[in-house]
Amino acid sequence: QYGRLLQLGVRPEKVGLWLRAVCRRVVPHALLGGKHNWRSLSRNLASLVEAPSGRDPAHLLLRGMRTSECAWMQPLPAAAPRGGTAGAAAERRRQADLASLLR
């Protein structure tokens, strides 16, 4: 019976391919940034499927990603001197960009 049960299972490689296809359709491209981060996510999805259940999935998925490729994660510019609003305007732009990514 064990052999018959194993035949009903799905190979981890197929599960990884399915997860990649779902991410390509669901995750906005601008959320991850450049090609390097998409390749990292793809590679990390495969390792997530085969990882022991005790591992932290967020750590596995984010490994090797570059925050420099994500425009919405860039540091805010320094505030303008004498009470200027450059920092506030940049924060509003950043929030609008993030909101448009999540729509």
PDB file of N, CA and C in Angstrom:
ATOM      1  N   GLN A   1       0.820  -1.200   0.000  1.00  0.00           N
ATOM      2  CA  GLN A   1       0.000   0.000   0.000  1.00  0.00           C
ATOM      3  C   GLN A   1       0.859   1.257   0.000  1.00  0.00           C
ATOM      4  N   TYR A   2       2.002   1.213   0.641  1.00  0.00           N
ATOM      5  CA  TYR A   2       2.868   2.389   0.703  1.00  0.00           C
ATOM      6  C   TYR A   2       3.338   2.790  -0.692  1.00  0.00           C
ATOM      7  N   GLY A   3       3.681   1.796  -1.510  1.00  0.00           N
ATOM      8  CA  GLY A   3       4.126   2.064  -2.880  1.00  0.00           C
ATOM      9  C   GLY A   3       3.029   2.722  -3.699  1.00  0.00           C
ATOM     10  N   ARG A   4       1.792   2.273  -3.525  1.00  0.00           N
ATOM     11  CA  ARG A   4       0.667   2.880  -4.249  1.00  0.00           C
ATOM     12  C   ARG A   4       0.430   4.311  -3.785  1.00  0.00           C
ATOM     13  N   LEU A   5       0.615   4.554  -2.503  1.00  0.00           N
ATOM     14  CA  LEU A   5       0.452   5.912  -1.972  1.00  0.00           C
ATOM     15  C   LEU A   5       1.520   6.853  -2.533  1.00  0.00           C
ATOM     16  N   LEU A   6       2.747   6.366  -2.658  1.00  0.00           N
ATOM     17  CA  LEU A   6       3.818   7.185  -3.223  1.00  0.00           C
ATOM     18  C   LEU A   6       3.550   7.552  -4.677  1.00  0.00           C
ATOM     19  N   GLN A   7       2.896   6.682  -5.408  1.00  0.00           N
ATOM     20  CA  GLN A   7       2.580   6.962  -6.803  1.00  0.00           C
ATOM     21  C   GLN A   7       1.564   8.093  -6.938  1.00  0.00           C
ATOM     22  N   LEU A   8       0.778   8.317  -5.908  1.00  0.00           N
ATOM     23  CA  LEU A   8      -0.223   9.382  -5.949  1.00  0.00           C
ATOM     24  C   LEU A   8       0.368  10.748  -5.627  1.00  0.00           C
ATOM     25  N   GLY A   9       1.548  10.788  -5.072  1.00  0.00           N
ATOM     26  CA  GLY A   9       2.168  12.045  -4.666  1.00  0.00           C
ATOM     27  C   GLY A   9       2.663  12.859  -5.859  1.00  0.00           C
ATOM     28  N   VAL A  10       2.926  14.113  -5.602  1.00  0.00           N
ATOM     29  CA  VAL A  10       3.462  15.024  -6.619  1.00  0.00           C
ATOM     30  C   VAL A  10       4.928  15.281  -6.295  1.00  0.00           C
ATOM     31  N   ARG A  11       5.782  15.172  -7.301  1.00  0.00           N
ATOM     32  CA  ARG A  11       7.211  15.387  -7.085  1.00  0.00           C
ATOM     33  C   ARG A  11       7.464  16.838  -6.685  1.00  0.00           C
ATOM     34  N   PRO A  12       8.438  17.075  -5.799  1.00  0.00           N
ATOM     35  CA  PRO A  12       8.752  18.437  -5.360  1.00  0.00           C
ATOM     36  C   PRO A  12       9.100  19.377  -6.517  1.00  0.00           C
ATOM     37  N   GLU A  13       9.715  18.869  -7.574  1.00  0.00           N
ATOM     38  CA  GLU A  13      10.059  19.714  -8.717  1.00  0.00           C
ATOM     39  C   GLU A  13       8.801  20.295  -9.361  1.00  0.00           C
ATOM     40  N   LYS A  14       7.759  19.474  -9.456  1.00  0.00           N
ATOM     41  CA  LYS A  14       6.492  19.930 -10.053  1.00  0.00           C
ATOM     42  C   LYS A  14       5.824  20.970  -9.166  1.00  0.00           C
ATOM     43  N   VAL A  15       5.902  20.785  -7.868  1.00  0.00           N
ATOM     44  CA  VAL A  15       5.318  21.759  -6.937  1.00  0.00           C
ATOM     45  C   VAL A  15       6.067  23.085  -7.062  1.00  0.00           C
ATOM     46  N   GLY A  16       7.382  23.027  -7.158  1.00  0.00           N
ATOM     47  CA  GLY A  16       8.182  24.241  -7.324  1.00  0.00           C
ATOM     48  C   GLY A  16       7.841  24.976  -8.612  1.00  0.00           C
ATOM     49  N   LEU A  17       7.672  24.242  -9.706  1.00  0.00           N
ATOM     50  CA  LEU A  17       7.283  24.873 -10.974  1.00  0.00           C
ATOM     51  C   LEU A  17       5.914  25.537 -10.866  1.00  0.00           C
ATOM     52  N   TRP A  18       5.000  24.880 -10.183  1.00  0.00           N
ATOM     53  CA  TRP A  18       3.659  25.452 -10.012  1.00  0.00           C
ATOM     54  C   TRP A  18       3.723  26.738  -9.182  1.00  0.00           C
ATOM     55  N   LEU A  19       4.517  26.721  -8.105  1.00  0.00           N
ATOM     56  CA  LEU A  19       4.662  27.926  -7.278  1.00  0.00           C
ATOM     57  C   LEU A  19       5.265  29.083  -8.073  1.00  0.00           C
ATOM     58  N   ARG A  20       6.243  28.790  -8.916  1.00  0.00           N
ATOM     59  CA  ARG A  20       6.834  29.842  -9.754  1.00  0.00           C
ATOM     60  C   ARG A  20       5.800  30.433 -10.703  1.00  0.00           C
ATOM     61  N   ALA A  21       4.991  29.592 -11.305  1.00  0.00           N
ATOM     62  CA  ALA A  21       3.964  30.076 -12.234  1.00  0.00           C
ATOM     63  C   ALA A  21       2.951  30.955 -11.507  1.00  0.00           C
ATOM     64  N   VAL A  22       2.579  30.554 -10.306  1.00  0.00           N
ATOM     65  CA  VAL A  22       1.630  31.355  -9.521  1.00  0.00           C
ATOM     66  C   VAL A  22       2.247  32.708  -9.178  1.00  0.00           C
ATOM     67  N   CYS A  23       3.499  32.719  -8.744  1.00  0.00           N
ATOM     68  CA  CYS A  23       4.165  33.982  -8.383  1.00  0.00           C
ATOM     69  C   CYS A  23       4.291  34.910  -9.578  1.00  0.00           C
ATOM     70  N   ARG A  24       4.576  34.358 -10.757  1.00  0.00           N
ATOM     71  CA  ARG A  24       4.671  35.204 -11.953  1.00  0.00           C
ATOM     72  C   ARG A  24       3.349  35.898 -12.245  1.00  0.00           C
ATOM     73  N   ARG A  25       2.244  35.238 -11.939  1.00  0.00           N
ATOM     74  CA  ARG A  25       0.925  35.819 -12.202  1.00  0.00           C
ATOM     75  C   ARG A  25       0.440  36.732 -11.080  1.00  0.00           C
ATOM     76  N   VAL A  26       0.831  36.455  -9.850  1.00  0.00           N
ATOM     77  CA  VAL A  26       0.249  37.143  -8.696  1.00  0.00           C
ATOM     78  C   VAL A  26       1.118  38.286  -8.171  1.00  0.00           C
ATOM     79  N   VAL A  27       2.419  38.083  -8.109  1.00  0.00           N
ATOM     80  CA  VAL A  27       3.310  39.082  -7.518  1.00  0.00           C
ATOM     81  C   VAL A  27       3.593  40.179  -8.546  1.00  0.00           C
ATOM     82  N   PRO A  28       3.303  41.452  -8.218  1.00  0.00           N
ATOM     83  CA  PRO A  28       3.620  42.538  -9.148  1.00  0.00           C
ATOM     84  C   PRO A  28       5.114  42.606  -9.409  1.00  0.00           C
ATOM     85  N   HIS A  29       5.489  42.806 -10.670  1.00  0.00           N
ATOM     86  CA  HIS A  29       6.901  42.816 -11.044  1.00  0.00           C
ATOM     87  C   HIS A  29       7.677  43.880 -10.275  1.00  0.00           C
ATOM     88  N   ALA A  30       7.085  45.059 -10.096  1.00  0.00           N
ATOM     89  CA  ALA A  30       7.783  46.153  -9.422  1.00  0.00           C
ATOM     90  C   ALA A  30       8.009  45.869  -7.934  1.00  0.00           C
ATOM     91  N   LEU A  31       7.259  44.948  -7.365  1.00  0.00           N
ATOM     92  CA  LEU A  31       7.426  44.645  -5.951  1.00  0.00           C
ATOM     93  C   LEU A  31       8.792  44.026  -5.670  1.00  0.00           C
ATOM     94  N   LEU A  32       9.255  43.165  -6.578  1.00  0.00           N
ATOM     95  CA  LEU A  32      10.553  42.514  -6.382  1.00  0.00           C
ATOM     96  C   LEU A  32      11.690  43.234  -7.080  1.00  0.00           C
ATOM     97  N   GLY A  33      11.387  44.092  -8.030  1.00  0.00           N
ATOM     98  CA  GLY A  33      12.444  44.838  -8.704  1.00  0.00           C
ATOM     99  C   GLY A  33      12.999  44.103  -9.897  1.00  0.00           C
ATOM    100  N   GLY A  34      14.309  43.970  -9.964  1.00  0.00           N
ATOM    101  CA  GLY A  34      14.993  43.472 -11.146  1.00  0.00           C
ATOM    102  C   GLY A  34      15.026  41.967 -11.294  1.00  0.00           C
ATOM    103  N   LYS A  35      15.717  41.544 -12.358  1.00  0.00           N
ATOM    104  CA  LYS A  35      15.797  40.125 -12.710  1.00  0.00           C
ATOM    105  C   LYS A  35      16.500  39.298 -11.638  1.00  0.00           C
ATOM    106  N   HIS A  36      17.486  39.901 -10.980  1.00  0.00           N
ATOM    107  CA  HIS A  36      18.215  39.158  -9.942  1.00  0.00           C
ATOM    108  C   HIS A  36      17.251  38.680  -8.852  1.00  0.00           C
ATOM    109  N   ASN A  37      16.363  39.567  -8.400  1.00  0.00           N
ATOM    110  CA  ASN A  37      15.427  39.193  -7.337  1.00  0.00           C
ATOM    111  C   ASN A  37      14.426  38.147  -7.805  1.00  0.00           C
ATOM    112  N   TRP A  38      14.007  38.230  -9.064  1.00  0.00           N
ATOM    113  CA  TRP A  38      13.082  37.217  -9.571  1.00  0.00           C
ATOM    114  C   TRP A  38      13.768  35.859  -9.675  1.00  0.00           C
ATOM    115  N   ARG A  39      15.029  35.846 -10.089  1.00  0.00           N
ATOM    116  CA  ARG A  39      15.771  34.578 -10.127  1.00  0.00           C
ATOM    117  C   ARG A  39      15.960  34.022  -8.719  1.00  0.00           C
ATOM    118  N   SER A  40      16.262  34.902  -7.768  1.00  0.00           N
ATOM    119  CA  SER A  40      16.422  34.461  -6.379  1.00  0.00           C
ATOM    120  C   SER A  40      15.120  33.869  -5.848  1.00  0.00           C
ATOM    121  N   LEU A  41      14.008  34.544  -6.116  1.00  0.00           N
ATOM    122  CA  LEU A  41      12.714  34.030  -5.654  1.00  0.00           C
ATOM    123  C   LEU A  41      12.433  32.665  -6.267  1.00  0.00           C
ATOM    124  N   SER A  42      12.700  32.534  -7.547  1.00  0.00           N
ATOM    125  CA  SER A  42      12.459  31.262  -8.228  1.00  0.00           C
ATOM    126  C   SER A  42      13.287  30.137  -7.607  1.00  0.00           C
ATOM    127  N   ARG A  43      14.559  30.415  -7.375  1.00  0.00           N
ATOM    128  CA  ARG A  43      15.456  29.429  -6.762  1.00  0.00           C
ATOM    129  C   ARG A  43      15.007  29.119  -5.330  1.00  0.00           C
ATOM    130  N   ASN A  44      14.601  30.164  -4.611  1.00  0.00           N
ATOM    131  CA  ASN A  44      14.213  29.976  -3.216  1.00  0.00           C
ATOM    132  C   ASN A  44      12.897  29.216  -3.080  1.00  0.00           C
ATOM    133  N   LEU A  45      11.996  29.364  -4.051  1.00  0.00           N
ATOM    134  CA  LEU A  45      10.754  28.593  -4.001  1.00  0.00           C
ATOM    135  C   LEU A  45      11.047  27.101  -4.085  1.00  0.00           C
ATOM    136  N   ALA A  46      11.999  26.740  -4.929  1.00  0.00           N
ATOM    137  CA  ALA A  46      12.371  25.331  -5.052  1.00  0.00           C
ATOM    138  C   ALA A  46      12.944  24.806  -3.745  1.00  0.00           C
ATOM    139  N   SER A  47      13.778  25.610  -3.082  1.00  0.00           N
ATOM    140  CA  SER A  47      14.359  25.149  -1.817  1.00  0.00           C
ATOM    141  C   SER A  47      13.311  25.134  -0.699  1.00  0.00           C
ATOM    142  N   LEU A  48      12.309  26.011  -0.802  1.00  0.00           N
ATOM    143  CA  LEU A  48      11.248  26.031   0.203  1.00  0.00           C
ATOM    144  C   LEU A  48      10.448  24.733   0.188  1.00  0.00           C
ATOM    145  N   VAL A  49      10.191  24.225  -0.998  1.00  0.00           N
ATOM    146  CA  VAL A  49       9.419  22.985  -1.132  1.00  0.00           C
ATOM    147  C   VAL A  49      10.170  21.812  -0.508  1.00  0.00           C
ATOM    148  N   GLU A  50      11.473  21.806  -0.654  1.00  0.00           N
ATOM    149  CA  GLU A  50      12.260  20.676  -0.169  1.00  0.00           C
ATOM    150  C   GLU A  50      12.812  20.879   1.238  1.00  0.00           C
ATOM    151  N   ALA A  51      12.577  22.055   1.844  1.00  0.00           N
ATOM    152  CA  ALA A  51      13.129  22.352   3.164  1.00  0.00           C
ATOM    153  C   ALA A  51      12.368  21.607   4.256  1.00  0.00           C
ATOM    154  N   PRO A  52      13.051  21.302   5.349  1.00  0.00           N
ATOM    155  CA  PRO A  52      12.351  20.716   6.493  1.00  0.00           C
ATOM    156  C   PRO A  52      11.293  21.686   7.022  1.00  0.00           C
ATOM    157  N   SER A  53      10.263  21.166   7.606  1.00  0.00           N
ATOM    158  CA  SER A  53       9.143  22.006   8.025  1.00  0.00           C
ATOM    159  C   SER A  53       9.489  22.974   9.151  1.00  0.00           C
ATOM    160  N   GLY A  54      10.581  22.789   9.846  1.00  0.00           N
ATOM    161  CA  GLY A  54      10.930  23.673  10.943  1.00  0.00           C
ATOM    162  C   GLY A  54      11.598  24.979  10.526  1.00  0.00           C
ATOM    163  N   ARG A  55      11.958  25.118   9.260  1.00  0.00           N
ATOM    164  CA  ARG A  55      12.651  26.316   8.781  1.00  0.00           C
ATOM    165  C   ARG A  55      11.683  27.480   8.621  1.00  0.00           C
ATOM    166  N   ASP A  56      12.208  28.692   8.755  1.00  0.00           N
ATOM    167  CA  ASP A  56      11.405  29.908   8.604  1.00  0.00           C
ATOM    168  C   ASP A  56      11.201  30.181   7.113  1.00  0.00           C
ATOM    169  N   PRO A  57       9.958  30.129   6.605  1.00  0.00           N
ATOM    170  CA  PRO A  57       9.740  30.314   5.166  1.00  0.00           C
ATOM    171  C   PRO A  57      10.120  31.705   4.673  1.00  0.00           C
ATOM    172  N   ALA A  58       9.927  32.739   5.483  1.00  0.00           N
ATOM    173  CA  ALA A  58      10.277  34.096   5.052  1.00  0.00           C
ATOM    174  C   ALA A  58      11.785  34.194   4.819  1.00  0.00           C
ATOM    175  N   HIS A  59      12.556  33.605   5.713  1.00  0.00           N
ATOM    176  CA  HIS A  59      14.012  33.625   5.555  1.00  0.00           C
ATOM    177  C   HIS A  59      14.417  32.900   4.276  1.00  0.00           C
ATOM    178  N   LEU A  60      13.795  31.766   4.011  1.00  0.00           N
ATOM    179  CA  LEU A  60      14.130  31.003   2.812  1.00  0.00           C
ATOM    180  C   LEU A  60      13.779  31.765   1.543  1.00  0.00           C
ATOM    181  N   LEU A  61      12.642  32.433   1.525  1.00  0.00           N
ATOM    182  CA  LEU A  61      12.202  33.127   0.317  1.00  0.00           C
ATOM    183  C   LEU A  61      13.009  34.386   0.034  1.00  0.00           C
ATOM    184  N   LEU A  62      13.443  35.088   1.063  1.00  0.00           N
ATOM    185  CA  LEU A  62      14.131  36.361   0.880  1.00  0.00           C
ATOM    186  C   LEU A  62      15.639  36.234   0.731  1.00  0.00           C
ATOM    187  N   ARG A  63      16.173  35.060   0.903  1.00  0.00           N
ATOM    188  CA  ARG A  63      17.618  34.855   0.830  1.00  0.00           C
ATOM    189  C   ARG A  63      18.148  35.242  -0.554  1.00  0.00           C
ATOM    190  N   GLY A  64      19.180  36.070  -0.573  1.00  0.00           N
ATOM    191  CA  GLY A  64      19.832  36.458  -1.814  1.00  0.00           C
ATOM    192  C   GLY A  64      19.186  37.621  -2.547  1.00  0.00           C
ATOM    193  N   MET A  65      18.123  38.182  -1.996  1.00  0.00           N
ATOM    194  CA  MET A  65      17.461  39.290  -2.678  1.00  0.00           C
ATOM    195  C   MET A  65      18.180  40.604  -2.383  1.00  0.00           C
ATOM    196  N   ARG A  66      18.127  41.509  -3.349  1.00  0.00           N
ATOM    197  CA  ARG A  66      18.773  42.815  -3.220  1.00  0.00           C
ATOM    198  C   ARG A  66      17.711  43.893  -2.988  1.00  0.00           C
ATOM    199  N   THR A  67      17.797  44.552  -1.863  1.00  0.00           N
ATOM    200  CA  THR A  67      16.857  45.649  -1.605  1.00  0.00           C
ATOM    201  C   THR A  67      17.133  46.833  -2.520  1.00  0.00           C
ATOM    202  N   SER A  68      18.339  46.924  -3.046  1.00  0.00           N
ATOM    203  CA  SER A  68      18.679  48.033  -3.938  1.00  0.00           C
ATOM    204  C   SER A  68      17.890  47.960  -5.248  1.00  0.00           C
ATOM    205  N   GLU A  69      17.344  46.794  -5.596  1.00  0.00           N
ATOM    206  CA  GLU A  69      16.561  46.658  -6.818  1.00  0.00           C
ATOM    207  C   GLU A  69      15.090  46.999  -6.609  1.00  0.00           C
ATOM    208  N   CYS A  70      14.678  47.210  -5.377  1.00  0.00           N
ATOM    209  CA  CYS A  70      13.285  47.523  -5.070  1.00  0.00           C
ATOM    210  C   CYS A  70      13.165  49.023  -4.811  1.00  0.00           C
ATOM    211  N   ALA A  71      12.545  49.733  -5.753  1.00  0.00           N
ATOM    212  CA  ALA A  71      12.450  51.195  -5.633  1.00  0.00           C
ATOM    213  C   ALA A  71      11.711  51.608  -4.366  1.00  0.00           C
ATOM    214  N   TRP A  72      10.711  50.852  -3.974  1.00  0.00           N
ATOM    215  CA  TRP A  72       9.907  51.233  -2.814  1.00  0.00           C
ATOM    216  C   TRP A  72      10.639  51.001  -1.498  1.00  0.00           C
ATOM    217  N   MET A  73      11.778  50.321  -1.526  1.00  0.00           N
ATOM    218  CA  MET A  73      12.547  50.086  -0.305  1.00  0.00           C
ATOM    219  C   MET A  73      13.738  51.020  -0.163  1.00  0.00           C
ATOM    220  N   GLN A  74      13.906  51.954  -1.088  1.00  0.00           N
ATOM    221  CA  GLN A  74      15.034  52.868  -1.030  1.00  0.00           C
ATOM    222  C   GLN A  74      14.856  53.843   0.126  1.00  0.00           C
ATOM    223  N   PRO A  75      15.960  54.274   0.727  1.00  0.00           N
ATOM    224  CA  PRO A  75      15.845  55.218   1.843  1.00  0.00           C
ATOM    225  C   PRO A  75      15.293  56.548   1.370  1.00  0.00           C
ATOM    226  N   LEU A  76      14.601  57.211   2.258  1.00  0.00           N
ATOM    227  CA  LEU A  76      14.058  58.525   1.946  1.00  0.00           C
ATOM    228  C   LEU A  76      15.186  59.547   1.864  1.00  0.00           C
ATOM    229  N   PRO A  77      15.041  60.545   0.996  1.00  0.00           N
ATOM    230  CA  PRO A  77      16.059  61.595   0.963  1.00  0.00           C
ATOM    231  C   PRO A  77      15.997  62.415   2.246  1.00  0.00           C
ATOM    232  N   ALA A  78      17.097  63.038   2.574  1.00  0.00           N
ATOM    233  CA  ALA A  78      17.140  63.869   3.782  1.00  0.00           C
ATOM    234  C   ALA A  78      16.160  65.028   3.646  1.00  0.00           C
ATOM    235  N   ALA A  79      15.576  65.419   4.747  1.00  0.00           N
ATOM    236  CA  ALA A  79      14.622  66.531   4.737  1.00  0.00           C
ATOM    237  C   ALA A  79      15.329  67.818   4.327  1.00  0.00           C
ATOM    238  N   ALA A  80      14.590  68.681   3.654  1.00  0.00           N
ATOM    239  CA  ALA A  80      15.151  69.963   3.225  1.00  0.00           C
ATOM    240  C   ALA A  80      15.426  70.827   4.447  1.00  0.00           C
ATOM    241  N   PRO A  81      16.459  71.661   4.403  1.00  0.00           N
ATOM    242  CA  PRO A  81      16.758  72.533   5.544  1.00  0.00           C
ATOM    243  C   PRO A  81      15.668  73.584   5.732  1.00  0.00           C
ATOM    244  N   ARG A  82      15.604  74.117   6.944  1.00  0.00           N
ATOM    245  CA  ARG A  82      14.663  75.178   7.326  1.00  0.00           C
ATOM    246  C   ARG A  82      13.209  74.772   7.146  1.00  0.00           C
ATOM    247  N   GLY A  83      12.885  73.585   7.577  1.00  0.00           N
ATOM    248  CA  GLY A  83      11.478  73.175   7.600  1.00  0.00           C
ATOM    249  C   GLY A  83      10.881  72.886   6.240  1.00  0.00           C
ATOM    250  N   GLY A  84      11.701  72.601   5.235  1.00  0.00           N
ATOM    251  CA  GLY A  84      11.176  72.284   3.906  1.00  0.00           C
ATOM    252  C   GLY A  84      10.378  70.987   3.918  1.00  0.00           C
ATOM    253  N   THR A  85       9.675  70.703   2.854  1.00  0.00           N
ATOM    254  CA  THR A  85       8.790  69.534   2.818  1.00  0.00           C
ATOM    255  C   THR A  85       9.279  68.464   1.851  1.00  0.00           C
ATOM    256  N   ALA A  86      10.547  68.463   1.491  1.00  0.00           N
ATOM    257  CA  ALA A  86      11.048  67.465   0.545  1.00  0.00           C
ATOM    258  C   ALA A  86      10.869  66.050   1.098  1.00  0.00           C
ATOM    259  N   GLY A  87      11.137  65.856   2.379  1.00  0.00           N
ATOM    260  CA  GLY A  87      10.987  64.524   2.970  1.00  0.00           C
ATOM    261  C   GLY A  87       9.536  64.071   2.999  1.00  0.00           C
ATOM    262  N   ALA A  88       8.626  64.979   3.316  1.00  0.00           N
ATOM    263  CA  ALA A  88       7.200  64.635   3.355  1.00  0.00           C
ATOM    264  C   ALA A  88       6.684  64.307   1.963  1.00  0.00           C
ATOM    265  N   ALA A  89       7.113  65.062   0.973  1.00  0.00           N
ATOM    266  CA  ALA A  89       6.681  64.809  -0.404  1.00  0.00           C
ATOM    267  C   ALA A  89       7.206  63.453  -0.882  1.00  0.00           C
ATOM    268  N   ALA A  90       8.447  63.138  -0.545  1.00  0.00           N
ATOM    269  CA  ALA A  90       9.017  61.841  -0.928  1.00  0.00           C
ATOM    270  C   ALA A  90       8.265  60.709  -0.237  1.00  0.00           C
ATOM    271  N   GLU A  91       7.889  60.908   0.997  1.00  0.00           N
ATOM    272  CA  GLU A  91       7.137  59.873   1.723  1.00  0.00           C
ATOM    273  C   GLU A  91       5.767  59.666   1.082  1.00  0.00           C
ATOM    274  N   ARG A  92       5.097  60.742   0.689  1.00  0.00           N
ATOM    275  CA  ARG A  92       3.791  60.608   0.022  1.00  0.00           C
ATOM    276  C   ARG A  92       3.949  59.865  -1.306  1.00  0.00           C
ATOM    277  N   ARG A  93       5.023  60.183  -2.061  1.00  0.00           N
ATOM    278  CA  ARG A  93       5.268  59.491  -3.325  1.00  0.00           C
ATOM    279  C   ARG A  93       5.522  58.009  -3.087  1.00  0.00           C
ATOM    280  N   ARG A  94       6.306  57.706  -2.061  1.00  0.00           N
ATOM    281  CA  ARG A  94       6.614  56.314  -1.748  1.00  0.00           C
ATOM    282  C   ARG A  94       5.348  55.542  -1.366  1.00  0.00           C
ATOM    283  N   GLN A  95       4.508  56.146  -0.561  1.00  0.00           N
ATOM    284  CA  GLN A  95       3.262  55.490  -0.167  1.00  0.00           C
ATOM    285  C   GLN A  95       2.349  55.279  -1.374  1.00  0.00           C
ATOM    286  N   ALA A  96       2.282  56.257  -2.275  1.00  0.00           N
ATOM    287  CA  ALA A  96       1.467  56.111  -3.483  1.00  0.00           C
ATOM    288  C   ALA A  96       2.014  54.992  -4.373  1.00  0.00           C
ATOM    289  N   ASP A  97       3.349  54.906  -4.503  1.00  0.00           N
ATOM    290  CA  ASP A  97       3.957  53.849  -5.296  1.00  0.00           C
ATOM    291  C   ASP A  97       3.652  52.470  -4.717  1.00  0.00           C
ATOM    292  N   LEU A  98       3.778  52.359  -3.402  1.00  0.00           N
ATOM    293  CA  LEU A  98       3.501  51.079  -2.762  1.00  0.00           C
ATOM    294  C   LEU A  98       2.031  50.703  -2.910  1.00  0.00           C
ATOM    295  N   ALA A  99       1.139  51.680  -2.759  1.00  0.00           N
ATOM    296  CA  ALA A  99      -0.295  51.413  -2.897  1.00  0.00           C
ATOM    297  C   ALA A  99      -0.616  50.949  -4.323  1.00  0.00           C
ATOM    298  N   SER A 100       0.028  51.559  -5.321  1.00  0.00           N
ATOM    299  CA  SER A 100      -0.246  51.142  -6.705  1.00  0.00           C
ATOM    300  C   SER A 100       0.291  49.727  -6.971  1.00  0.00           C
ATOM    301  N   LEU A 101       1.380  49.347  -6.306  1.00  0.00           N
ATOM    302  CA  LEU A 101       1.904  47.988  -6.466  1.00  0.00           C
ATOM    303  C   LEU A 101       0.964  46.953  -5.875  1.00  0.00           C
ATOM    304  N   LEU A 102       0.302  47.306  -4.809  1.00  0.00           N
ATOM    305  CA  LEU A 102      -0.522  46.335  -4.094  1.00  0.00           C
ATOM    306  C   LEU A 102      -1.955  46.256  -4.622  1.00  0.00           C
ATOM    307  N   ARG A 103      -2.285  47.076  -5.602  1.00  0.00           N
ATOM    308  CA  ARG A 103      -3.634  47.009  -6.202  1.00  0.00           C
ATOM    309  C   ARG A 103      -3.801  45.830  -7.066  1.00  0.00           C
TER     310      ARG A 103
END
